[in-house]
Amino acid sequence: MTGLRTTMQARIADAAHTVASYRTSDGPHQDFHTARRACTTGLTADPHAEPSTGPSCAREAAAGNRSGLQAAVAQWHNVNGHLSREHLDKETLALADKLLAAS
């Protein structure tokens, strides 16, 4: 059952990432509320899903929601609290630092 559960969690997180990325990109389909719900779903299914963290941060920054950005970064740090800064995903860390500095 563990293998099936892990597979399902990964697929839910991947689908959520796809929806969030699509809904965050520029165009008539842009919908930050739907992107936020997709990221929440992905991170609920798999709290360690790195692909959901970047779009979550970028979405909140693009929406001008500094408190949402801070909450997304805090959630990511909370999930990965057992890791030192040098062991965190470098791309996600750089994105979070860049977005926090710019907001």
PDB file of N, CA and C in Angstrom:
ATOM      1  N   MET A   1       0.823  -1.200   0.000  1.00  0.00           N
ATOM      2  CA  MET A   1       0.000   0.000   0.000  1.00  0.00           C
ATOM      3  C   MET A   1       0.863   1.258   0.000  1.00  0.00           C
ATOM      4  N   THR A   2       2.030   1.217   0.600  1.00  0.00           N
ATOM      5  CA  THR A   2       2.888   2.393   0.673  1.00  0.00           C
ATOM      6  C   THR A   2       3.317   2.857  -0.714  1.00  0.00           C
ATOM      7  N   GLY A   3       3.673   1.932  -1.602  1.00  0.00           N
ATOM      8  CA  GLY A   3       4.070   2.299  -2.958  1.00  0.00           C
ATOM      9  C   GLY A   3       2.949   2.980  -3.712  1.00  0.00           C
ATOM     10  N   LEU A   4       1.746   2.462  -3.580  1.00  0.00           N
ATOM     11  CA  LEU A   4       0.585   3.058  -4.236  1.00  0.00           C
ATOM     12  C   LEU A   4       0.312   4.452  -3.670  1.00  0.00           C
ATOM     13  N   ARG A   5       0.397   4.573  -2.358  1.00  0.00           N
ATOM     14  CA  ARG A   5       0.154   5.868  -1.719  1.00  0.00           C
ATOM     15  C   ARG A   5       1.175   6.901  -2.184  1.00  0.00           C
ATOM     16  N   THR A   6       2.421   6.523  -2.221  1.00  0.00           N
ATOM     17  CA  THR A   6       3.479   7.430  -2.664  1.00  0.00           C
ATOM     18  C   THR A   6       3.264   7.847  -4.114  1.00  0.00           C
ATOM     19  N   THR A   7       2.889   6.890  -4.947  1.00  0.00           N
ATOM     20  CA  THR A   7       2.625   7.181  -6.356  1.00  0.00           C
ATOM     21  C   THR A   7       1.463   8.157  -6.491  1.00  0.00           C
ATOM     22  N   MET A   8       0.399   7.924  -5.761  1.00  0.00           N
ATOM     23  CA  MET A   8      -0.772   8.810  -5.829  1.00  0.00           C
ATOM     24  C   MET A   8      -0.425  10.213  -5.322  1.00  0.00           C
ATOM     25  N   GLN A   9       0.333  10.299  -4.237  1.00  0.00           N
ATOM     26  CA  GLN A   9       0.733  11.604  -3.716  1.00  0.00           C
ATOM     27  C   GLN A   9       1.552  12.370  -4.760  1.00  0.00           C
ATOM     28  N   ALA A  10       2.484  11.681  -5.390  1.00  0.00           N
ATOM     29  CA  ALA A  10       3.332  12.318  -6.399  1.00  0.00           C
ATOM     30  C   ALA A  10       2.507  12.773  -7.599  1.00  0.00           C
ATOM     31  N   ARG A  11       1.556  11.968  -8.019  1.00  0.00           N
ATOM     32  CA  ARG A  11       0.727  12.338  -9.176  1.00  0.00           C
ATOM     33  C   ARG A  11      -0.191  13.520  -8.859  1.00  0.00           C
ATOM     34  N   ILE A  12      -0.741  13.539  -7.660  1.00  0.00           N
ATOM     35  CA  ILE A  12      -1.575  14.674  -7.254  1.00  0.00           C
ATOM     36  C   ILE A  12      -0.732  15.941  -7.208  1.00  0.00           C
ATOM     37  N   ALA A  13       0.452  15.845  -6.621  1.00  0.00           N
ATOM     38  CA  ALA A  13       1.345  17.007  -6.540  1.00  0.00           C
ATOM     39  C   ALA A  13       1.755  17.483  -7.935  1.00  0.00           C
ATOM     40  N   ASP A  14       2.045  16.554  -8.838  1.00  0.00           N
ATOM     41  CA  ASP A  14       2.417  16.923 -10.215  1.00  0.00           C
ATOM     42  C   ASP A  14       1.256  17.613 -10.938  1.00  0.00           C
ATOM     43  N   ALA A  15       0.057  17.071 -10.789  1.00  0.00           N
ATOM     44  CA  ALA A  15      -1.113  17.680 -11.432  1.00  0.00           C
ATOM     45  C   ALA A  15      -1.373  19.072 -10.852  1.00  0.00           C
ATOM     46  N   ALA A  16      -1.231  19.207  -9.554  1.00  0.00           N
ATOM     47  CA  ALA A  16      -1.427  20.509  -8.912  1.00  0.00           C
ATOM     48  C   ALA A  16      -0.397  21.514  -9.414  1.00  0.00           C
ATOM     49  N   HIS A  17       0.834  21.070  -9.579  1.00  0.00           N
ATOM     50  CA  HIS A  17       1.893  21.947 -10.096  1.00  0.00           C
ATOM     51  C   HIS A  17       1.555  22.409 -11.516  1.00  0.00           C
ATOM     52  N   THR A  18       1.059  21.501 -12.336  1.00  0.00           N
ATOM     53  CA  THR A  18       0.690  21.843 -13.711  1.00  0.00           C
ATOM     54  C   THR A  18      -0.417  22.898 -13.727  1.00  0.00           C
ATOM     55  N   VAL A  19      -1.439  22.696 -12.930  1.00  0.00           N
ATOM     56  CA  VAL A  19      -2.553  23.649 -12.862  1.00  0.00           C
ATOM     57  C   VAL A  19      -2.064  25.000 -12.336  1.00  0.00           C
ATOM     58  N   ALA A  20      -1.268  24.972 -11.269  1.00  0.00           N
ATOM     59  CA  ALA A  20      -0.773  26.220 -10.684  1.00  0.00           C
ATOM     60  C   ALA A  20       0.105  26.985 -11.665  1.00  0.00           C
ATOM     61  N   SER A  21       0.963  26.280 -12.371  1.00  0.00           N
ATOM     62  CA  SER A  21       1.835  26.934 -13.352  1.00  0.00           C
ATOM     63  C   SER A  21       1.014  27.566 -14.475  1.00  0.00           C
ATOM     64  N   TYR A  22       0.027  26.844 -14.964  1.00  0.00           N
ATOM     65  CA  TYR A  22      -0.836  27.342 -16.041  1.00  0.00           C
ATOM     66  C   TYR A  22      -1.615  28.576 -15.573  1.00  0.00           C
ATOM     67  N   ARG A  23      -2.185  28.497 -14.375  1.00  0.00           N
ATOM     68  CA  ARG A  23      -3.023  29.580 -13.869  1.00  0.00           C
ATOM     69  C   ARG A  23      -2.223  30.792 -13.390  1.00  0.00           C
ATOM     70  N   THR A  24      -0.907  30.632 -13.246  1.00  0.00           N
ATOM     71  CA  THR A  24      -0.054  31.743 -12.831  1.00  0.00           C
ATOM     72  C   THR A  24       0.535  32.470 -14.029  1.00  0.00           C
ATOM     73  N   SER A  25       0.651  31.777 -15.161  1.00  0.00           N
ATOM     74  CA  SER A  25       1.260  32.393 -16.342  1.00  0.00           C
ATOM     75  C   SER A  25       0.354  33.479 -16.919  1.00  0.00           C
ATOM     76  N   ASP A  26       0.970  34.397 -17.647  1.00  0.00           N
ATOM     77  CA  ASP A  26       0.228  35.510 -18.246  1.00  0.00           C
ATOM     78  C   ASP A  26      -0.769  35.027 -19.287  1.00  0.00           C
ATOM     79  N   GLY A  27      -1.890  35.710 -19.371  1.00  0.00           N
ATOM     80  CA  GLY A  27      -2.897  35.385 -20.371  1.00  0.00           C
ATOM     81  C   GLY A  27      -4.288  35.421 -19.784  1.00  0.00           C
ATOM     82  N   PRO A  28      -5.285  35.175 -20.619  1.00  0.00           N
ATOM     83  CA  PRO A  28      -6.670  35.231 -20.155  1.00  0.00           C
ATOM     84  C   PRO A  28      -7.019  34.122 -19.166  1.00  0.00           C
ATOM     85  N   HIS A  29      -6.201  33.083 -19.112  1.00  0.00           N
ATOM     86  CA  HIS A  29      -6.428  31.959 -18.204  1.00  0.00           C
ATOM     87  C   HIS A  29      -5.838  32.209 -16.817  1.00  0.00           C
ATOM     88  N   GLN A  30      -5.127  33.349 -16.638  1.00  0.00           N
ATOM     89  CA  GLN A  30      -4.487  33.638 -15.359  1.00  0.00           C
ATOM     90  C   GLN A  30      -5.551  33.776 -14.274  1.00  0.00           C
ATOM     91  N   ASP A  31      -5.370  33.024 -13.205  1.00  0.00           N
ATOM     92  CA  ASP A  31      -6.335  33.016 -12.105  1.00  0.00           C
ATOM     93  C   ASP A  31      -5.580  32.636 -10.834  1.00  0.00           C
ATOM     94  N   PHE A  32      -5.183  33.644 -10.051  1.00  0.00           N
ATOM     95  CA  PHE A  32      -4.365  33.396  -8.869  1.00  0.00           C
ATOM     96  C   PHE A  32      -5.104  32.598  -7.799  1.00  0.00           C
ATOM     97  N   HIS A  33      -6.413  32.797  -7.702  1.00  0.00           N
ATOM     98  CA  HIS A  33      -7.184  32.046  -6.708  1.00  0.00           C
ATOM     99  C   HIS A  33      -7.148  30.539  -7.019  1.00  0.00           C
ATOM    100  N   THR A  34      -7.346  30.183  -8.276  1.00  0.00           N
ATOM    101  CA  THR A  34      -7.288  28.772  -8.674  1.00  0.00           C
ATOM    102  C   THR A  34      -5.880  28.228  -8.504  1.00  0.00           C
ATOM    103  N   ALA A  35      -4.870  29.029  -8.840  1.00  0.00           N
ATOM    104  CA  ALA A  35      -3.478  28.597  -8.659  1.00  0.00           C
ATOM    105  C   ALA A  35      -3.189  28.344  -7.184  1.00  0.00           C
ATOM    106  N   ARG A  36      -3.680  29.210  -6.314  1.00  0.00           N
ATOM    107  CA  ARG A  36      -3.489  29.050  -4.868  1.00  0.00           C
ATOM    108  C   ARG A  36      -4.142  27.752  -4.384  1.00  0.00           C
ATOM    109  N   ARG A  37      -5.350  27.485  -4.856  1.00  0.00           N
ATOM    110  CA  ARG A  37      -6.039  26.245  -4.452  1.00  0.00           C
ATOM    111  C   ARG A  37      -5.293  25.015  -4.954  1.00  0.00           C
ATOM    112  N   ALA A  38      -4.753  25.076  -6.169  1.00  0.00           N
ATOM    113  CA  ALA A  38      -3.992  23.947  -6.717  1.00  0.00           C
ATOM    114  C   ALA A  38      -2.742  23.687  -5.892  1.00  0.00           C
ATOM    115  N   CYS A  39      -2.023  24.747  -5.538  1.00  0.00           N
ATOM    116  CA  CYS A  39      -0.817  24.565  -4.716  1.00  0.00           C
ATOM    117  C   CYS A  39      -1.167  23.991  -3.344  1.00  0.00           C
ATOM    118  N   THR A  40      -2.238  24.482  -2.771  1.00  0.00           N
ATOM    119  CA  THR A  40      -2.663  23.959  -1.466  1.00  0.00           C
ATOM    120  C   THR A  40      -2.986  22.469  -1.565  1.00  0.00           C
ATOM    121  N   THR A  41      -3.671  22.083  -2.625  1.00  0.00           N
ATOM    122  CA  THR A  41      -3.995  20.670  -2.838  1.00  0.00           C
ATOM    123  C   THR A  41      -2.722  19.839  -2.990  1.00  0.00           C
ATOM    124  N   GLY A  42      -1.788  20.318  -3.812  1.00  0.00           N
ATOM    125  CA  GLY A  42      -0.540  19.592  -4.024  1.00  0.00           C
ATOM    126  C   GLY A  42       0.267  19.446  -2.755  1.00  0.00           C
ATOM    127  N   LEU A  43       0.360  20.524  -1.973  1.00  0.00           N
ATOM    128  CA  LEU A  43       1.135  20.469  -0.738  1.00  0.00           C
ATOM    129  C   LEU A  43       0.422  19.680   0.359  1.00  0.00           C
ATOM    130  N   THR A  44      -0.901  19.599   0.288  1.00  0.00           N
ATOM    131  CA  THR A  44      -1.629  18.749   1.230  1.00  0.00           C
ATOM    132  C   THR A  44      -1.367  17.281   0.914  1.00  0.00           C
ATOM    133  N   ALA A  45      -1.354  16.951  -0.363  1.00  0.00           N
ATOM    134  CA  ALA A  45      -1.092  15.566  -0.776  1.00  0.00           C
ATOM    135  C   ALA A  45       0.349  15.165  -0.479  1.00  0.00           C
ATOM    136  N   ASP A  46       1.280  16.093  -0.728  1.00  0.00           N
ATOM    137  CA  ASP A  46       2.701  15.801  -0.518  1.00  0.00           C
ATOM    138  C   ASP A  46       3.399  17.066  -0.033  1.00  0.00           C
ATOM    139  N   PRO A  47       3.507  17.238   1.285  1.00  0.00           N
ATOM    140  CA  PRO A  47       4.101  18.460   1.837  1.00  0.00           C
ATOM    141  C   PRO A  47       5.549  18.701   1.408  1.00  0.00           C
ATOM    142  N   HIS A  48       6.222  17.677   0.937  1.00  0.00           N
ATOM    143  CA  HIS A  48       7.621  17.811   0.528  1.00  0.00           C
ATOM    144  C   HIS A  48       7.770  18.081  -0.960  1.00  0.00           C
ATOM    145  N   ALA A  49       6.678  18.320  -1.657  1.00  0.00           N
ATOM    146  CA  ALA A  49       6.715  18.495  -3.111  1.00  0.00           C
ATOM    147  C   ALA A  49       7.358  19.826  -3.476  1.00  0.00           C
ATOM    148  N   GLU A  50       8.601  19.784  -3.882  1.00  0.00           N
ATOM    149  CA  GLU A  50       9.312  20.988  -4.302  1.00  0.00           C
ATOM    150  C   GLU A  50       8.636  21.693  -5.480  1.00  0.00           C
ATOM    151  N   PRO A  51       8.104  20.948  -6.460  1.00  0.00           N
ATOM    152  CA  PRO A  51       7.502  21.649  -7.605  1.00  0.00           C
ATOM    153  C   PRO A  51       6.338  22.556  -7.231  1.00  0.00           C
ATOM    154  N   SER A  52       5.679  22.316  -6.110  1.00  0.00           N
ATOM    155  CA  SER A  52       4.555  23.168  -5.713  1.00  0.00           C
ATOM    156  C   SER A  52       5.015  24.407  -4.965  1.00  0.00           C
ATOM    157  N   THR A  53       6.207  24.376  -4.403  1.00  0.00           N
ATOM    158  CA  THR A  53       6.671  25.487  -3.579  1.00  0.00           C
ATOM    159  C   THR A  53       7.018  26.711  -4.401  1.00  0.00           C
ATOM    160  N   GLY A  54       7.780  26.543  -5.474  1.00  0.00           N
ATOM    161  CA  GLY A  54       8.165  27.683  -6.308  1.00  0.00           C
ATOM    162  C   GLY A  54       6.968  28.419  -6.876  1.00  0.00           C
ATOM    163  N   PRO A  55       6.049  27.700  -7.542  1.00  0.00           N
ATOM    164  CA  PRO A  55       4.857  28.387  -8.057  1.00  0.00           C
ATOM    165  C   PRO A  55       4.023  29.045  -6.961  1.00  0.00           C
ATOM    166  N   SER A  56       3.997  28.436  -5.799  1.00  0.00           N
ATOM    167  CA  SER A  56       3.254  29.016  -4.691  1.00  0.00           C
ATOM    168  C   SER A  56       3.840  30.367  -4.311  1.00  0.00           C
ATOM    169  N   CYS A  57       5.158  30.423  -4.204  1.00  0.00           N
ATOM    170  CA  CYS A  57       5.832  31.685  -3.877  1.00  0.00           C
ATOM    171  C   CYS A  57       5.662  32.705  -5.001  1.00  0.00           C
ATOM    172  N   ALA A  58       5.878  32.271  -6.230  1.00  0.00           N
ATOM    173  CA  ALA A  58       5.778  33.172  -7.377  1.00  0.00           C
ATOM    174  C   ALA A  58       4.360  33.713  -7.532  1.00  0.00           C
ATOM    175  N   ARG A  59       3.383  32.865  -7.298  1.00  0.00           N
ATOM    176  CA  ARG A  59       1.983  33.279  -7.420  1.00  0.00           C
ATOM    177  C   ARG A  59       1.661  34.365  -6.407  1.00  0.00           C
ATOM    178  N   GLU A  60       2.068  34.174  -5.174  1.00  0.00           N
ATOM    179  CA  GLU A  60       1.776  35.163  -4.138  1.00  0.00           C
ATOM    180  C   GLU A  60       2.491  36.483  -4.423  1.00  0.00           C
ATOM    181  N   ALA A  61       3.728  36.402  -4.909  1.00  0.00           N
ATOM    182  CA  ALA A  61       4.473  37.615  -5.249  1.00  0.00           C
ATOM    183  C   ALA A  61       3.819  38.341  -6.415  1.00  0.00           C
ATOM    184  N   ALA A  62       3.411  37.590  -7.445  1.00  0.00           N
ATOM    185  CA  ALA A  62       2.776  38.194  -8.620  1.00  0.00           C
ATOM    186  C   ALA A  62       1.448  38.854  -8.248  1.00  0.00           C
ATOM    187  N   ALA A  63       0.768  38.276  -7.277  1.00  0.00           N
ATOM    188  CA  ALA A  63      -0.511  38.831  -6.838  1.00  0.00           C
ATOM    189  C   ALA A  63      -0.319  40.009  -5.876  1.00  0.00           C
ATOM    190  N   GLY A  64       0.955  40.294  -5.520  1.00  0.00           N
ATOM    191  CA  GLY A  64       1.234  41.382  -4.585  1.00  0.00           C
ATOM    192  C   GLY A  64       0.861  41.047  -3.165  1.00  0.00           C
ATOM    193  N   ASN A  65       0.811  39.767  -2.857  1.00  0.00           N
ATOM    194  CA  ASN A  65       0.397  39.306  -1.539  1.00  0.00           C
ATOM    195  C   ASN A  65       1.632  38.942  -0.709  1.00  0.00           C
ATOM    196  N   ARG A  66       2.246  39.949  -0.072  1.00  0.00           N
ATOM    197  CA  ARG A  66       3.466  39.707   0.711  1.00  0.00           C
ATOM    198  C   ARG A  66       3.218  38.742   1.857  1.00  0.00           C
ATOM    199  N   SER A  67       2.099  38.864   2.545  1.00  0.00           N
ATOM    200  CA  SER A  67       1.831  37.946   3.659  1.00  0.00           C
ATOM    201  C   SER A  67       1.643  36.515   3.146  1.00  0.00           C
ATOM    202  N   GLY A  68       1.035  36.359   1.966  1.00  0.00           N
ATOM    203  CA  GLY A  68       0.897  35.031   1.365  1.00  0.00           C
ATOM    204  C   GLY A  68       2.242  34.464   0.960  1.00  0.00           C
ATOM    205  N   LEU A  69       3.114  35.340   0.438  1.00  0.00           N
ATOM    206  CA  LEU A  69       4.469  34.919   0.083  1.00  0.00           C
ATOM    207  C   LEU A  69       5.227  34.470   1.325  1.00  0.00           C
ATOM    208  N   GLN A  70       5.143  35.259   2.376  1.00  0.00           N
ATOM    209  CA  GLN A  70       5.818  34.899   3.620  1.00  0.00           C
ATOM    210  C   GLN A  70       5.271  33.583   4.178  1.00  0.00           C
ATOM    211  N   ALA A  71       3.970  33.375   4.068  1.00  0.00           N
ATOM    212  CA  ALA A  71       3.363  32.129   4.554  1.00  0.00           C
ATOM    213  C   ALA A  71       3.834  30.938   3.728  1.00  0.00           C
ATOM    214  N   ALA A  72       3.926  31.094   2.403  1.00  0.00           N
ATOM    215  CA  ALA A  72       4.394  29.999   1.542  1.00  0.00           C
ATOM    216  C   ALA A  72       5.840  29.641   1.855  1.00  0.00           C
ATOM    217  N   VAL A  73       6.682  30.655   2.052  1.00  0.00           N
ATOM    218  CA  VAL A  73       8.087  30.405   2.394  1.00  0.00           C
ATOM    219  C   VAL A  73       8.183  29.761   3.774  1.00  0.00           C
ATOM    220  N   ALA A  74       7.396  30.243   4.722  1.00  0.00           N
ATOM    221  CA  ALA A  74       7.411  29.671   6.075  1.00  0.00           C
ATOM    222  C   ALA A  74       6.966  28.214   6.056  1.00  0.00           C
ATOM    223  N   GLN A  75       5.954  27.903   5.252  1.00  0.00           N
ATOM    224  CA  GLN A  75       5.489  26.518   5.158  1.00  0.00           C
ATOM    225  C   GLN A  75       6.592  25.632   4.583  1.00  0.00           C
ATOM    226  N   TRP A  76       7.284  26.132   3.558  1.00  0.00           N
ATOM    227  CA  TRP A  76       8.374  25.375   2.944  1.00  0.00           C
ATOM    228  C   TRP A  76       9.493  25.137   3.959  1.00  0.00           C
ATOM    229  N   HIS A  77       9.848  26.188   4.720  1.00  0.00           N
ATOM    230  CA  HIS A  77      10.886  26.034   5.743  1.00  0.00           C
ATOM    231  C   HIS A  77      10.431  25.072   6.840  1.00  0.00           C
ATOM    232  N   ASN A  78       9.154  25.130   7.203  1.00  0.00           N
ATOM    233  CA  ASN A  78       8.628  24.251   8.242  1.00  0.00           C
ATOM    234  C   ASN A  78       8.714  22.783   7.825  1.00  0.00           C
ATOM    235  N   VAL A  79       8.328  22.499   6.593  1.00  0.00           N
ATOM    236  CA  VAL A  79       8.367  21.124   6.081  1.00  0.00           C
ATOM    237  C   VAL A  79       9.806  20.616   6.001  1.00  0.00           C
ATOM    238  N   ASN A  80      10.720  21.512   5.668  1.00  0.00           N
ATOM    239  CA  ASN A  80      12.122  21.140   5.503  1.00  0.00           C
ATOM    240  C   ASN A  80      12.979  21.578   6.686  1.00  0.00           C
ATOM    241  N   GLY A  81      12.365  21.785   7.824  1.00  0.00           N
ATOM    242  CA  GLY A  81      13.061  22.280   9.007  1.00  0.00           C
ATOM    243  C   GLY A  81      14.218  21.421   9.477  1.00  0.00           C
ATOM    244  N   HIS A  82      14.186  20.163   9.124  1.00  0.00           N
ATOM    245  CA  HIS A  82      15.257  19.261   9.544  1.00  0.00           C
ATOM    246  C   HIS A  82      16.516  19.423   8.692  1.00  0.00           C
ATOM    247  N   LEU A  83      16.428  20.191   7.614  1.00  0.00           N
ATOM    248  CA  LEU A  83      17.569  20.391   6.719  1.00  0.00           C
ATOM    249  C   LEU A  83      18.246  21.724   7.008  1.00  0.00           C
ATOM    250  N   SER A  84      19.549  21.747   6.901  1.00  0.00           N
ATOM    251  CA  SER A  84      20.263  23.017   7.024  1.00  0.00           C
ATOM    252  C   SER A  84      20.108  23.780   5.709  1.00  0.00           C
ATOM    253  N   ARG A  85      20.406  25.058   5.735  1.00  0.00           N
ATOM    254  CA  ARG A  85      20.225  25.915   4.555  1.00  0.00           C
ATOM    255  C   ARG A  85      20.963  25.368   3.333  1.00  0.00           C
ATOM    256  N   GLU A  86      22.147  24.830   3.531  1.00  0.00           N
ATOM    257  CA  GLU A  86      22.922  24.328   2.390  1.00  0.00           C
ATOM    258  C   GLU A  86      22.342  23.040   1.798  1.00  0.00           C
ATOM    259  N   HIS A  87      21.414  22.393   2.500  1.00  0.00           N
ATOM    260  CA  HIS A  87      20.791  21.169   1.984  1.00  0.00           C
ATOM    261  C   HIS A  87      19.403  21.402   1.384  1.00  0.00           C
ATOM    262  N   LEU A  88      18.940  22.651   1.435  1.00  0.00           N
ATOM    263  CA  LEU A  88      17.652  22.970   0.829  1.00  0.00           C
ATOM    264  C   LEU A  88      17.810  23.051  -0.690  1.00  0.00           C
ATOM    265  N   ASP A  89      16.714  22.873  -1.409  1.00  0.00           N
ATOM    266  CA  ASP A  89      16.737  22.981  -2.867  1.00  0.00           C
ATOM    267  C   ASP A  89      17.217  24.378  -3.245  1.00  0.00           C
ATOM    268  N   LYS A  90      18.303  24.439  -3.986  1.00  0.00           N
ATOM    269  CA  LYS A  90      18.959  25.719  -4.313  1.00  0.00           C
ATOM    270  C   LYS A  90      18.063  26.639  -5.138  1.00  0.00           C
ATOM    271  N   GLU A  91      17.345  26.086  -6.114  1.00  0.00           N
ATOM    272  CA  GLU A  91      16.479  26.907  -6.957  1.00  0.00           C
ATOM    273  C   GLU A  91      15.327  27.508  -6.160  1.00  0.00           C
ATOM    274  N   THR A  92      14.701  26.697  -5.312  1.00  0.00           N
ATOM    275  CA  THR A  92      13.583  27.187  -4.510  1.00  0.00           C
ATOM    276  C   THR A  92      14.077  28.222  -3.504  1.00  0.00           C
ATOM    277  N   LEU A  93      15.221  27.968  -2.904  1.00  0.00           N
ATOM    278  CA  LEU A  93      15.795  28.905  -1.944  1.00  0.00           C
ATOM    279  C   LEU A  93      16.110  30.245  -2.611  1.00  0.00           C
ATOM    280  N   ALA A  94      16.735  30.203  -3.791  1.00  0.00           N
ATOM    281  CA  ALA A  94      17.072  31.433  -4.512  1.00  0.00           C
ATOM    282  C   ALA A  94      15.806  32.198  -4.906  1.00  0.00           C
ATOM    283  N   LEU A  95      14.785  31.467  -5.362  1.00  0.00           N
ATOM    284  CA  LEU A  95      13.526  32.108  -5.739  1.00  0.00           C
ATOM    285  C   LEU A  95      12.882  32.769  -4.525  1.00  0.00           C
ATOM    286  N   ALA A  96      12.818  32.063  -3.410  1.00  0.00           N
ATOM    287  CA  ALA A  96      12.209  32.616  -2.198  1.00  0.00           C
ATOM    288  C   ALA A  96      12.964  33.858  -1.738  1.00  0.00           C
ATOM    289  N   ASP A  97      14.294  33.786  -1.731  1.00  0.00           N
ATOM    290  CA  ASP A  97      15.096  34.947  -1.320  1.00  0.00           C
ATOM    291  C   ASP A  97      14.859  36.134  -2.246  1.00  0.00           C
ATOM    292  N   LYS A  98      14.837  35.866  -3.556  1.00  0.00           N
ATOM    293  CA  LYS A  98      14.648  36.927  -4.547  1.00  0.00           C
ATOM    294  C   LYS A  98      13.266  37.579  -4.401  1.00  0.00           C
ATOM    295  N   LEU A  99      12.232  36.757  -4.243  1.00  0.00           N
ATOM    296  CA  LEU A  99      10.876  37.294  -4.145  1.00  0.00           C
ATOM    297  C   LEU A  99      10.662  38.068  -2.846  1.00  0.00           C
ATOM    298  N   LEU A 100      11.235  37.568  -1.755  1.00  0.00           N
ATOM    299  CA  LEU A 100      11.105  38.269  -0.482  1.00  0.00           C
ATOM    300  C   LEU A 100      11.833  39.608  -0.529  1.00  0.00           C
ATOM    301  N   ALA A 101      12.990  39.637  -1.157  1.00  0.00           N
ATOM    302  CA  ALA A 101      13.761  40.883  -1.258  1.00  0.00           C
ATOM    303  C   ALA A 101      13.043  41.912  -2.130  1.00  0.00           C
ATOM    304  N   ALA A 102      12.342  41.445  -3.146  1.00  0.00           N
ATOM    305  CA  ALA A 102      11.675  42.345  -4.086  1.00  0.00           C
ATOM    306  C   ALA A 102      10.327  42.858  -3.589  1.00  0.00           C
ATOM    307  N   SER A 103       9.743  42.152  -2.627  1.00  0.00           N
ATOM    308  CA  SER A 103       8.382  42.553  -2.196  1.00  0.00           C
ATOM    309  C   SER A 103       8.406  43.527  -1.042  1.00  0.00           C
TER     310      SER A 103
END
